[in-house]
Amino acid sequence: SASKIKNAIKLLYYIFFALLYSFYGRLADVVLANSSWTAGHVERIWRPRGGVNVLWPPCNAKGFGEISMNKEGRENLILSIGQFRPEKDHALQIKSFARLLKMKPKPPRDTRLILLGGCRGEEDEKRVEDLRRLCKELKCEKSVEFVLNQPFS
């Protein structure tokens, strides 16, 4: 049928451009990626001669210089910043934190884990709900806070 022929032509088109993309990627003298995940992805596709270097995105750190390092009045927080994606393995962070709370000697009572990050859509939101359930199962939900889709300021 016509749709099978159309699909076959599309597939050949995509394969051709994927090969072309891979070929020209190998010719690059310097390859940069903005994360280790992207670097791994580019490395698998292009296999560049000089490898892939990670250039982390800039972060406006001006406001961090104003933070007091005085221990008095300081909170016992563990802050994790990252999108709620599978490769970030937030479940491992929660399991490790729950284990920390059970250690002897116990950490200060007010120790909290704050998971701050963005959700790209329904799949990530479901992942956060699963993480909240995990906190309840591990009985650490009162010490774990989720902060979603917050602006930098």
Protein backbone atom coordinates (compact mmCIF):
# COMPACT_ATOMS: atom_id res chain seq x y z
CA SER A 1 0.00 0.00 0.00
CA ALA A 2 0.99 3.65 -0.40
CA SER A 3 1.48 4.22 3.35
CA LYS A 4 3.99 1.33 3.59
CA ILE A 5 6.00 2.80 0.73
CA LYS A 6 5.81 6.26 2.31
CA ASN A 7 6.99 4.87 5.68
CA ALA A 8 9.86 3.00 4.00
CA ILE A 9 10.98 6.18 2.22
CA LYS A 10 10.80 8.14 5.50
CA LEU A 11 12.87 5.46 7.23
CA LEU A 12 15.53 5.54 4.50
CA TYR A 13 15.54 9.34 4.70
CA TYR A 14 16.13 9.26 8.49
CA ILE A 15 18.81 6.56 8.21
CA PHE A 16 20.61 8.58 5.52
CA PHE A 17 20.65 11.74 7.61
CA ALA A 18 21.65 9.85 10.77
CA LEU A 19 24.65 8.40 8.91
CA LEU A 20 25.51 11.82 7.49
CA TYR A 21 25.18 13.41 10.95
CA SER A 22 27.40 10.73 12.48
CA PHE A 23 30.02 11.03 9.70
CA TYR A 24 30.35 14.80 10.01
CA GLY A 25 30.32 14.65 13.80
CA ARG A 26 33.44 12.45 13.68
CA LEU A 27 35.25 15.19 11.74
CA ALA A 28 34.92 17.80 14.50
CA ASP A 29 38.16 18.91 16.15
CA VAL A 30 36.46 19.98 19.39
CA VAL A 31 33.13 18.69 20.68
CA LEU A 32 31.37 20.23 23.68
CA ALA A 33 28.26 19.08 25.53
CA ASN A 34 26.39 20.72 28.42
CA SER A 35 26.05 17.60 30.62
CA SER A 36 27.58 14.19 31.14
CA TRP A 37 24.41 12.56 29.78
CA THR A 38 24.59 14.59 26.55
CA ALA A 39 28.33 13.92 26.31
CA GLY A 40 27.69 10.17 26.52
CA HIS A 41 24.94 10.41 23.91
CA VAL A 42 27.14 12.38 21.48
CA GLU A 43 30.07 10.03 22.16
CA ARG A 44 27.93 7.00 21.16
CA ILE A 45 26.61 8.62 17.99
CA TRP A 46 29.64 10.53 16.70
CA ARG A 47 32.61 8.74 18.27
CA PRO A 48 34.68 11.93 17.80
CA ARG A 49 38.46 11.66 17.56
CA GLY A 50 39.16 13.94 20.53
CA GLY A 51 36.28 12.75 22.69
CA VAL A 52 33.57 14.99 24.13
CA ASN A 53 34.29 17.72 26.68
CA VAL A 54 31.62 18.82 29.13
CA LEU A 55 31.16 22.57 29.47
CA TRP A 56 28.70 23.08 32.29
CA PRO A 57 26.09 25.81 31.73
CA PRO A 58 26.86 29.06 33.54
CA CYS A 59 25.15 29.78 36.81
CA ASN A 60 24.74 33.25 38.24
CA ALA A 61 26.50 32.77 41.57
CA LYS A 62 26.52 36.45 42.62
CA GLY A 63 23.86 35.95 45.31
CA PHE A 64 25.69 32.98 46.84
CA GLY A 65 28.54 35.23 47.99
CA GLU A 66 26.14 36.97 50.36
CA ILE A 67 25.34 33.78 52.27
CA SER A 68 26.67 33.81 55.82
CA MET A 69 28.92 30.94 56.79
CA ASN A 70 28.12 31.49 60.48
CA LYS A 71 27.06 28.12 61.94
CA GLU A 72 24.76 29.76 64.47
CA GLY A 73 21.17 29.60 63.24
CA ARG A 74 22.14 27.36 60.34
CA GLU A 75 19.75 24.63 59.26
CA ASN A 76 20.77 21.00 58.67
CA LEU A 77 19.81 20.67 55.02
CA ILE A 78 20.86 18.46 52.17
CA LEU A 79 19.92 20.20 48.93
CA SER A 80 19.72 18.30 45.66
CA ILE A 81 19.15 20.33 42.51
CA GLY A 82 18.25 18.67 39.22
CA GLN A 83 15.37 17.91 36.90
CA PHE A 84 13.20 14.99 37.94
CA ARG A 85 14.44 12.61 35.25
CA PRO A 86 15.29 8.91 35.56
CA GLU A 87 19.03 9.38 35.08
CA LYS A 88 19.20 11.65 38.17
CA ASP A 89 18.19 8.68 40.38
CA HIS A 90 16.38 10.65 43.07
CA ALA A 91 15.15 7.34 44.51
CA LEU A 92 18.74 6.46 45.44
CA GLN A 93 19.10 9.84 47.15
CA ILE A 94 15.93 9.23 49.16
CA LYS A 95 17.00 5.70 50.14
CA SER A 96 20.42 6.99 51.20
CA PHE A 97 18.80 9.79 53.22
CA ALA A 98 16.41 7.36 54.93
CA ARG A 99 19.41 5.23 55.82
CA LEU A 100 21.22 8.30 57.21
CA LEU A 101 18.24 9.06 59.47
CA LYS A 102 18.53 5.56 61.01
CA MET A 103 22.28 5.70 61.63
CA LYS A 104 23.87 5.77 65.07
CA PRO A 105 24.60 8.35 66.25
CA LYS A 106 21.52 9.90 64.77
CA PRO A 107 21.88 13.10 62.76
CA PRO A 108 20.30 16.26 64.23
CA ARG A 109 16.52 15.96 64.45
CA ASP A 110 15.94 18.85 62.03
CA THR A 111 18.02 17.32 59.21
CA ARG A 112 16.08 17.55 55.95
CA LEU A 113 16.52 16.56 52.33
CA ILE A 114 15.27 19.12 49.83
CA LEU A 115 14.81 17.93 46.26
CA LEU A 116 14.59 21.00 44.04
CA GLY A 117 14.01 20.59 40.34
CA GLY A 118 11.89 20.96 37.29
CA CYS A 119 9.22 18.73 35.85
CA ARG A 120 9.02 18.73 32.06
CA GLY A 121 5.58 17.14 31.89
CA GLU A 122 3.26 14.40 33.10
CA GLU A 123 5.94 11.71 33.06
CA ASP A 124 8.18 13.71 35.42
CA GLU A 125 5.20 14.62 37.64
CA LYS A 126 4.36 10.92 37.95
CA ARG A 127 7.98 10.26 38.85
CA VAL A 128 7.71 12.83 41.68
CA GLU A 129 4.54 11.15 42.95
CA ASP A 130 6.39 7.81 42.96
CA LEU A 131 9.21 9.46 44.92
CA ARG A 132 6.72 10.83 47.44
CA ARG A 133 5.31 7.30 47.88
CA LEU A 134 8.85 6.00 48.39
CA CYS A 135 9.35 8.56 51.17
CA LYS A 136 6.20 7.29 52.90
CA GLU A 137 7.32 3.66 52.54
CA LEU A 138 10.70 4.54 54.08
CA LYS A 139 9.03 6.66 56.78
CA CYS A 140 11.04 9.78 55.97
CA GLU A 141 8.30 11.88 54.32
CA LYS A 142 8.34 14.45 57.14
CA SER A 143 12.05 15.10 56.49
CA VAL A 144 11.94 15.28 52.67
CA GLU A 145 10.69 18.35 50.83
CA PHE A 146 9.96 18.58 47.11
CA VAL A 147 10.31 22.00 45.48
CA LEU A 148 9.12 21.94 41.89
CA ASN A 149 9.57 24.30 38.95
CA GLN A 150 10.95 27.25 40.92
CA PRO A 151 12.54 30.25 39.19
CA PHE A 152 16.21 30.92 40.06
CA SER A 153 15.40 34.13 41.92
